Amino acid sequence: MSAGTNNDACNPLTAELVEWSDFIVVMERNHRNKVQKRFHGALKSKRTICLDIPDDYEFMDPVLIRLLQARMMRHLPAS
């Protein structure tokens, strides 16, 4: 599930989504800080992963997709 940290996002992050999630993945540290500040109570023991990717790519940019795939590999179970 994808959600944005800004209130004007197409699908803004909510406490319900945080509670539903197994873990939270953000692109930038400032995203992680926003999530931790806004949803502190809902996070409980949820893991928050910061990929350290600047949030300046267009939606579905092939370069962004490759970066996301490469950085997420170590956080996903081996299949």
PDB file of N, CA and C in Angstrom:
ATOM      1  N   MET A   1       0.851  -1.158   0.000  1.00  0.00           N
ATOM      2  CA  MET A   1       0.000   0.000   0.000  1.00  0.00           C
ATOM      3  C   MET A   1       0.898   1.222   0.000  1.00  0.00           C
ATOM      4  N   SER A   2       0.541   2.187  -0.761  1.00  0.00           N
ATOM      5  CA  SER A   2       1.309   3.422  -0.833  1.00  0.00           C
ATOM      6  C   SER A   2       0.465   4.571  -0.305  1.00  0.00           C
ATOM      7  N   ALA A   3       1.099   5.437   0.469  1.00  0.00           N
ATOM      8  CA  ALA A   3       0.418   6.611   1.000  1.00  0.00           C
ATOM      9  C   ALA A   3       1.437   7.720   1.182  1.00  0.00           C
ATOM     10  N   GLY A   4       0.959   8.950   1.069  1.00  0.00           N
ATOM     11  CA  GLY A   4       1.842  10.099   1.200  1.00  0.00           C
ATOM     12  C   GLY A   4       1.824  10.692   2.593  1.00  0.00           C
ATOM     13  N   THR A   5       2.898  11.408   2.925  1.00  0.00           N
ATOM     14  CA  THR A   5       2.988  12.024   4.249  1.00  0.00           C
ATOM     15  C   THR A   5       2.360  13.409   4.288  1.00  0.00           C
ATOM     16  N   ASN A   6       2.042  13.987   3.132  1.00  0.00           N
ATOM     17  CA  ASN A   6       1.387  15.300   3.105  1.00  0.00           C
ATOM     18  C   ASN A   6      -0.124  15.122   3.075  1.00  0.00           C
ATOM     19  N   ASN A   7      -0.832  16.054   3.685  1.00  0.00           N
ATOM     20  CA  ASN A   7      -2.292  15.980   3.721  1.00  0.00           C
ATOM     21  C   ASN A   7      -2.918  16.092   2.342  1.00  0.00           C
ATOM     22  N   ASP A   8      -2.231  16.724   1.383  1.00  0.00           N
ATOM     23  CA  ASP A   8      -2.778  16.876   0.033  1.00  0.00           C
ATOM     24  C   ASP A   8      -2.392  15.715  -0.889  1.00  0.00           C
ATOM     25  N   ALA A   9      -1.803  14.660  -0.349  1.00  0.00           N
ATOM     26  CA  ALA A   9      -1.431  13.485  -1.149  1.00  0.00           C
ATOM     27  C   ALA A   9      -2.688  12.814  -1.696  1.00  0.00           C
ATOM     28  N   CYS A  10      -2.560  12.165  -2.842  1.00  0.00           N
ATOM     29  CA  CYS A  10      -3.704  11.437  -3.423  1.00  0.00           C
ATOM     30  C   CYS A  10      -4.258  10.426  -2.428  1.00  0.00           C
ATOM     31  N   ASN A  11      -3.376   9.761  -1.708  1.00  0.00           N
ATOM     32  CA  ASN A  11      -3.766   8.800  -0.679  1.00  0.00           C
ATOM     33  C   ASN A  11      -2.940   9.122   0.571  1.00  0.00           C
ATOM     34  N   PRO A  12      -3.430  10.031   1.423  1.00  0.00           N
ATOM     35  CA  PRO A  12      -2.642  10.418   2.594  1.00  0.00           C
ATOM     36  C   PRO A  12      -2.551   9.301   3.636  1.00  0.00           C
ATOM     37  N   LEU A  13      -1.431   9.245   4.303  1.00  0.00           N
ATOM     38  CA  LEU A  13      -1.217   8.258   5.360  1.00  0.00           C
ATOM     39  C   LEU A  13      -2.152   8.562   6.526  1.00  0.00           C
ATOM     40  N   THR A  14      -2.779   7.524   7.055  1.00  0.00           N
ATOM     41  CA  THR A  14      -3.693   7.660   8.189  1.00  0.00           C
ATOM     42  C   THR A  14      -3.244   6.733   9.310  1.00  0.00           C
ATOM     43  N   ALA A  15      -3.773   6.966  10.497  1.00  0.00           N
ATOM     44  CA  ALA A  15      -3.467   6.090  11.627  1.00  0.00           C
ATOM     45  C   ALA A  15      -3.929   4.667  11.338  1.00  0.00           C
ATOM     46  N   GLU A  16      -5.044   4.530  10.641  1.00  0.00           N
ATOM     47  CA  GLU A  16      -5.559   3.201  10.297  1.00  0.00           C
ATOM     48  C   GLU A  16      -4.580   2.451   9.394  1.00  0.00           C
ATOM     49  N   LEU A  17      -4.007   3.145   8.410  1.00  0.00           N
ATOM     50  CA  LEU A  17      -3.020   2.504   7.532  1.00  0.00           C
ATOM     51  C   LEU A  17      -1.766   2.122   8.312  1.00  0.00           C
ATOM     52  N   VAL A  18      -1.341   2.984   9.211  1.00  0.00           N
ATOM     53  CA  VAL A  18      -0.162   2.677  10.033  1.00  0.00           C
ATOM     54  C   VAL A  18      -0.430   1.427  10.867  1.00  0.00           C
ATOM     55  N   GLU A  19      -1.577   1.366  11.504  1.00  0.00           N
ATOM     56  CA  GLU A  19      -1.918   0.206  12.325  1.00  0.00           C
ATOM     57  C   GLU A  19      -2.031  -1.062  11.486  1.00  0.00           C
ATOM     58  N   TRP A  20      -2.527  -0.955  10.254  1.00  0.00           N
ATOM     59  CA  TRP A  20      -2.687  -2.094   9.347  1.00  0.00           C
ATOM     60  C   TRP A  20      -1.339  -2.641   8.879  1.00  0.00           C
ATOM     61  N   SER A  21      -0.351  -1.772   8.768  1.00  0.00           N
ATOM     62  CA  SER A  21       0.925  -2.148   8.151  1.00  0.00           C
ATOM     63  C   SER A  21       1.755  -3.081   9.022  1.00  0.00           C
ATOM     64  N   ASP A  22       2.612  -3.841   8.351  1.00  0.00           N
ATOM     65  CA  ASP A  22       3.619  -4.646   9.047  1.00  0.00           C
ATOM     66  C   ASP A  22       4.842  -3.787   9.353  1.00  0.00           C
ATOM     67  N   PHE A  23       5.200  -2.912   8.426  1.00  0.00           N
ATOM     68  CA  PHE A  23       6.281  -1.955   8.607  1.00  0.00           C
ATOM     69  C   PHE A  23       6.031  -0.781   7.670  1.00  0.00           C
ATOM     70  N   ILE A  24       6.729   0.306   7.901  1.00  0.00           N
ATOM     71  CA  ILE A  24       6.571   1.538   7.134  1.00  0.00           C
ATOM     72  C   ILE A  24       7.869   1.790   6.376  1.00  0.00           C
ATOM     73  N   VAL A  25       7.758   2.122   5.100  1.00  0.00           N
ATOM     74  CA  VAL A  25       8.920   2.459   4.280  1.00  0.00           C
ATOM     75  C   VAL A  25       8.760   3.903   3.807  1.00  0.00           C
ATOM     76  N   VAL A  26       9.797   4.710   4.025  1.00  0.00           N
ATOM     77  CA  VAL A  26       9.798   6.094   3.567  1.00  0.00           C
ATOM     78  C   VAL A  26      11.023   6.319   2.692  1.00  0.00           C
ATOM     79  N   MET A  27      10.937   7.328   1.859  1.00  0.00           N
ATOM     80  CA  MET A  27      12.052   7.627   0.974  1.00  0.00           C
ATOM     81  C   MET A  27      13.103   8.504   1.645  1.00  0.00           C
ATOM     82  N   GLU A  28      12.663   9.493   2.426  1.00  0.00           N
ATOM     83  CA  GLU A  28      13.581  10.458   3.018  1.00  0.00           C
ATOM     84  C   GLU A  28      13.452  10.485   4.531  1.00  0.00           C
ATOM     85  N   ARG A  29      14.500  10.981   5.187  1.00  0.00           N
ATOM     86  CA  ARG A  29      14.486  11.092   6.648  1.00  0.00           C
ATOM     87  C   ARG A  29      13.397  12.038   7.144  1.00  0.00           C
ATOM     88  N   ASN A  30      13.137  13.117   6.386  1.00  0.00           N
ATOM     89  CA  ASN A  30      12.086  14.031   6.832  1.00  0.00           C
ATOM     90  C   ASN A  30      10.716  13.353   6.767  1.00  0.00           C
ATOM     91  N   HIS A  31      10.530  12.389   5.857  1.00  0.00           N
ATOM     92  CA  HIS A  31       9.284  11.610   5.827  1.00  0.00           C
ATOM     93  C   HIS A  31       9.177  10.764   7.100  1.00  0.00           C
ATOM     94  N   ARG A  32      10.282  10.133   7.468  1.00  0.00           N
ATOM     95  CA  ARG A  32      10.291   9.315   8.681  1.00  0.00           C
ATOM     96  C   ARG A  32       9.955  10.167   9.907  1.00  0.00           C
ATOM     97  N   ASN A  33      10.542  11.358   9.968  1.00  0.00           N
ATOM     98  CA  ASN A  33      10.274  12.242  11.097  1.00  0.00           C
ATOM     99  C   ASN A  33       8.808  12.648  11.155  1.00  0.00           C
ATOM    100  N   LYS A  34       8.210  12.948   9.989  1.00  0.00           N
ATOM    101  CA  LYS A  34       6.784  13.299   9.941  1.00  0.00           C
ATOM    102  C   LYS A  34       5.922  12.145  10.436  1.00  0.00           C
ATOM    103  N   VAL A  35       6.218  10.954   9.962  1.00  0.00           N
ATOM    104  CA  VAL A  35       5.446   9.772  10.352  1.00  0.00           C
ATOM    105  C   VAL A  35       5.578   9.535  11.855  1.00  0.00           C
ATOM    106  N   GLN A  36       6.789   9.608  12.366  1.00  0.00           N
ATOM    107  CA  GLN A  36       6.997   9.366  13.792  1.00  0.00           C
ATOM    108  C   GLN A  36       6.313  10.414  14.652  1.00  0.00           C
ATOM    109  N   LYS A  37       6.326  11.652  14.210  1.00  0.00           N
ATOM    110  CA  LYS A  37       5.695  12.729  14.974  1.00  0.00           C
ATOM    111  C   LYS A  37       4.170  12.618  14.922  1.00  0.00           C
ATOM    112  N   ARG A  38       3.625  12.406  13.730  1.00  0.00           N
ATOM    113  CA  ARG A  38       2.178  12.408  13.545  1.00  0.00           C
ATOM    114  C   ARG A  38       1.509  11.140  14.050  1.00  0.00           C
ATOM    115  N   PHE A  39       2.190   9.993  13.950  1.00  0.00           N
ATOM    116  CA  PHE A  39       1.556   8.710  14.263  1.00  0.00           C
ATOM    117  C   PHE A  39       2.267   7.960  15.377  1.00  0.00           C
ATOM    118  N   HIS A  40       2.867   8.700  16.276  1.00  0.00           N
ATOM    119  CA  HIS A  40       3.639   8.090  17.364  1.00  0.00           C
ATOM    120  C   HIS A  40       2.858   6.978  18.067  1.00  0.00           C
ATOM    121  N   GLY A  41       1.619   7.235  18.422  1.00  0.00           N
ATOM    122  CA  GLY A  41       0.818   6.240  19.137  1.00  0.00           C
ATOM    123  C   GLY A  41       0.496   5.021  18.306  1.00  0.00           C
ATOM    124  N   ALA A  42       0.259   5.203  17.018  1.00  0.00           N
ATOM    125  CA  ALA A  42      -0.104   4.088  16.137  1.00  0.00           C
ATOM    126  C   ALA A  42       1.102   3.246  15.747  1.00  0.00           C
ATOM    127  N   LEU A  43       2.294   3.820  15.795  1.00  0.00           N
ATOM    128  CA  LEU A  43       3.496   3.087  15.374  1.00  0.00           C
ATOM    129  C   LEU A  43       3.837   1.952  16.316  1.00  0.00           C
ATOM    130  N   LYS A  44       3.668   2.171  17.617  1.00  0.00           N
ATOM    131  CA  LYS A  44       3.974   1.171  18.638  1.00  0.00           C
ATOM    132  C   LYS A  44       5.311   0.513  18.341  1.00  0.00           C
ATOM    133  N   SER A  45       5.307  -0.755  17.967  1.00  0.00           N
ATOM    134  CA  SER A  45       6.568  -1.451  17.705  1.00  0.00           C
ATOM    135  C   SER A  45       6.801  -1.652  16.207  1.00  0.00           C
ATOM    136  N   LYS A  46       6.160  -0.853  15.378  1.00  0.00           N
ATOM    137  CA  LYS A  46       6.339  -0.975  13.919  1.00  0.00           C
ATOM    138  C   LYS A  46       7.735  -0.497  13.527  1.00  0.00           C
ATOM    139  N   ARG A  47       8.313  -1.183  12.609  1.00  0.00           N
ATOM    140  CA  ARG A  47       9.619  -0.814  12.079  1.00  0.00           C
ATOM    141  C   ARG A  47       9.425   0.224  10.982  1.00  0.00           C
ATOM    142  N   THR A  48      10.237   1.272  10.999  1.00  0.00           N
ATOM    143  CA  THR A  48      10.215   2.295   9.949  1.00  0.00           C
ATOM    144  C   THR A  48      11.544   2.240   9.215  1.00  0.00           C
ATOM    145  N   ILE A  49      11.471   2.030   7.913  1.00  0.00           N
ATOM    146  CA  ILE A  49      12.659   1.900   7.068  1.00  0.00           C
ATOM    147  C   ILE A  49      12.792   3.153   6.217  1.00  0.00           C
ATOM    148  N   CYS A  50      13.947   3.788   6.271  1.00  0.00           N
ATOM    149  CA  CYS A  50      14.221   4.952   5.424  1.00  0.00           C
ATOM    150  C   CYS A  50      15.190   4.520   4.322  1.00  0.00           C
ATOM    151  N   LEU A  51      14.772   4.711   3.070  1.00  0.00           N
ATOM    152  CA  LEU A  51      15.582   4.279   1.929  1.00  0.00           C
ATOM    153  C   LEU A  51      16.591   5.332   1.483  1.00  0.00           C
ATOM    154  N   ASP A  52      16.527   6.537   2.047  1.00  0.00           N
ATOM    155  CA  ASP A  52      17.435   7.633   1.674  1.00  0.00           C
ATOM    156  C   ASP A  52      17.459   7.877   0.166  1.00  0.00           C
ATOM    157  N   ILE A  53      16.263   8.023  -0.384  1.00  0.00           N
ATOM    158  CA  ILE A  53      16.098   8.361  -1.803  1.00  0.00           C
ATOM    159  C   ILE A  53      15.408   9.720  -1.865  1.00  0.00           C
ATOM    160  N   PRO A  54      15.998  10.704  -2.531  1.00  0.00           N
ATOM    161  CA  PRO A  54      15.347  12.010  -2.631  1.00  0.00           C
ATOM    162  C   PRO A  54      13.962  11.885  -3.278  1.00  0.00           C
ATOM    163  N   ASP A  55      13.009  12.580  -2.719  1.00  0.00           N
ATOM    164  CA  ASP A  55      11.638  12.518  -3.225  1.00  0.00           C
ATOM    165  C   ASP A  55      11.438  13.572  -4.314  1.00  0.00           C
ATOM    166  N   ASP A  56      12.212  13.440  -5.394  1.00  0.00           N
ATOM    167  CA  ASP A  56      12.082  14.404  -6.489  1.00  0.00           C
ATOM    168  C   ASP A  56      11.937  13.712  -7.849  1.00  0.00           C
ATOM    169  N   TYR A  57      11.479  12.480  -7.845  1.00  0.00           N
ATOM    170  CA  TYR A  57      11.244  11.730  -9.073  1.00  0.00           C
ATOM    171  C   TYR A  57       9.775  11.809  -9.460  1.00  0.00           C
ATOM    172  N   GLU A  58       9.505  11.701 -10.741  1.00  0.00           N
ATOM    173  CA  GLU A  58       8.131  11.616 -11.224  1.00  0.00           C
ATOM    174  C   GLU A  58       7.584  10.224 -10.915  1.00  0.00           C
ATOM    175  N   PHE A  59       6.281  10.124 -10.825  1.00  0.00           N
ATOM    176  CA  PHE A  59       5.603   8.846 -10.582  1.00  0.00           C
ATOM    177  C   PHE A  59       6.006   7.829 -11.648  1.00  0.00           C
ATOM    178  N   MET A  60       6.416   6.642 -11.197  1.00  0.00           N
ATOM    179  CA  MET A  60       6.806   5.529 -12.061  1.00  0.00           C
ATOM    180  C   MET A  60       8.055   5.804 -12.907  1.00  0.00           C
ATOM    181  N   ASP A  61       8.886   6.734 -12.495  1.00  0.00           N
ATOM    182  CA  ASP A  61      10.147   7.007 -13.181  1.00  0.00           C
ATOM    183  C   ASP A  61      10.983   5.731 -13.138  1.00  0.00           C
ATOM    184  N   PRO A  62      11.477   5.251 -14.290  1.00  0.00           N
ATOM    185  CA  PRO A  62      12.259   4.007 -14.316  1.00  0.00           C
ATOM    186  C   PRO A  62      13.491   4.039 -13.409  1.00  0.00           C
ATOM    187  N   VAL A  63      14.131   5.182 -13.271  1.00  0.00           N
ATOM    188  CA  VAL A  63      15.298   5.290 -12.390  1.00  0.00           C
ATOM    189  C   VAL A  63      14.861   5.094 -10.938  1.00  0.00           C
ATOM    190  N   LEU A  64      13.744   5.705 -10.567  1.00  0.00           N
ATOM    191  CA  LEU A  64      13.217   5.547  -9.214  1.00  0.00           C
ATOM    192  C   LEU A  64      12.846   4.093  -8.948  1.00  0.00           C
ATOM    193  N   ILE A  65      12.213   3.458  -9.891  1.00  0.00           N
ATOM    194  CA  ILE A  65      11.820   2.052  -9.720  1.00  0.00           C
ATOM    195  C   ILE A  65      13.045   1.181  -9.476  1.00  0.00           C
ATOM    196  N   ARG A  66      14.112   1.387 -10.227  1.00  0.00           N
ATOM    197  CA  ARG A  66      15.342   0.619 -10.024  1.00  0.00           C
ATOM    198  C   ARG A  66      15.946   0.890  -8.648  1.00  0.00           C
ATOM    199  N   LEU A  67      15.941   2.153  -8.230  1.00  0.00           N
ATOM    200  CA  LEU A  67      16.453   2.492  -6.895  1.00  0.00           C
ATOM    201  C   LEU A  67      15.628   1.828  -5.803  1.00  0.00           C
ATOM    202  N   LEU A  68      14.306   1.886  -5.927  1.00  0.00           N
ATOM    203  CA  LEU A  68      13.431   1.262  -4.939  1.00  0.00           C
ATOM    204  C   LEU A  68      13.669  -0.243  -4.870  1.00  0.00           C
ATOM    205  N   GLN A  69      13.766  -0.877  -6.023  1.00  0.00           N
ATOM    206  CA  GLN A  69      14.014  -2.318  -6.044  1.00  0.00           C
ATOM    207  C   GLN A  69      15.338  -2.653  -5.378  1.00  0.00           C
ATOM    208  N   ALA A  70      16.367  -1.919  -5.703  1.00  0.00           N
ATOM    209  CA  ALA A  70      17.694  -2.195  -5.146  1.00  0.00           C
ATOM    210  C   ALA A  70      17.731  -1.971  -3.634  1.00  0.00           C
ATOM    211  N   ARG A  71      17.135  -0.901  -3.171  1.00  0.00           N
ATOM    212  CA  ARG A  71      17.202  -0.576  -1.741  1.00  0.00           C
ATOM    213  C   ARG A  71      16.255  -1.425  -0.898  1.00  0.00           C
ATOM    214  N   MET A  72      15.193  -1.929  -1.493  1.00  0.00           N
ATOM    215  CA  MET A  72      14.229  -2.743  -0.734  1.00  0.00           C
ATOM    216  C   MET A  72      14.665  -4.201  -0.610  1.00  0.00           C
ATOM    217  N   MET A  73      15.526  -4.664  -1.482  1.00  0.00           N
ATOM    218  CA  MET A  73      15.898  -6.083  -1.493  1.00  0.00           C
ATOM    219  C   MET A  73      16.350  -6.599  -0.118  1.00  0.00           C
ATOM    220  N   ARG A  74      17.145  -5.824   0.579  1.00  0.00           N
ATOM    221  CA  ARG A  74      17.662  -6.308   1.869  1.00  0.00           C
ATOM    222  C   ARG A  74      16.615  -6.311   2.974  1.00  0.00           C
ATOM    223  N   HIS A  75      15.479  -5.667   2.731  1.00  0.00           N
ATOM    224  CA  HIS A  75      14.427  -5.600   3.754  1.00  0.00           C
ATOM    225  C   HIS A  75      13.311  -6.617   3.534  1.00  0.00           C
ATOM    226  N   LEU A  76      13.355  -7.313   2.413  1.00  0.00           N
ATOM    227  CA  LEU A  76      12.308  -8.274   2.091  1.00  0.00           C
ATOM    228  C   LEU A  76      12.809  -9.693   2.284  1.00  0.00           C
ATOM    229  N   PRO A  77      11.908 -10.597   2.658  1.00  0.00           N
ATOM    230  CA  PRO A  77      12.340 -11.986   2.843  1.00  0.00           C
ATOM    231  C   PRO A  77      12.803 -12.604   1.530  1.00  0.00           C
ATOM    232  N   ALA A  78      13.790 -13.462   1.604  1.00  0.00           N
ATOM    233  CA  ALA A  78      14.270 -14.164   0.410  1.00  0.00           C
ATOM    234  C   ALA A  78      13.207 -15.136  -0.053  1.00  0.00           C
ATOM    235  N   SER A  79      13.067 -15.254  -1.369  1.00  0.00           N
ATOM    236  CA  SER A  79      12.051 -16.185  -1.879  1.00  0.00           C
ATOM    237  C   SER A  79      12.679 -17.361  -2.579  1.00  0.00           C
TER     238      SER A  79
END
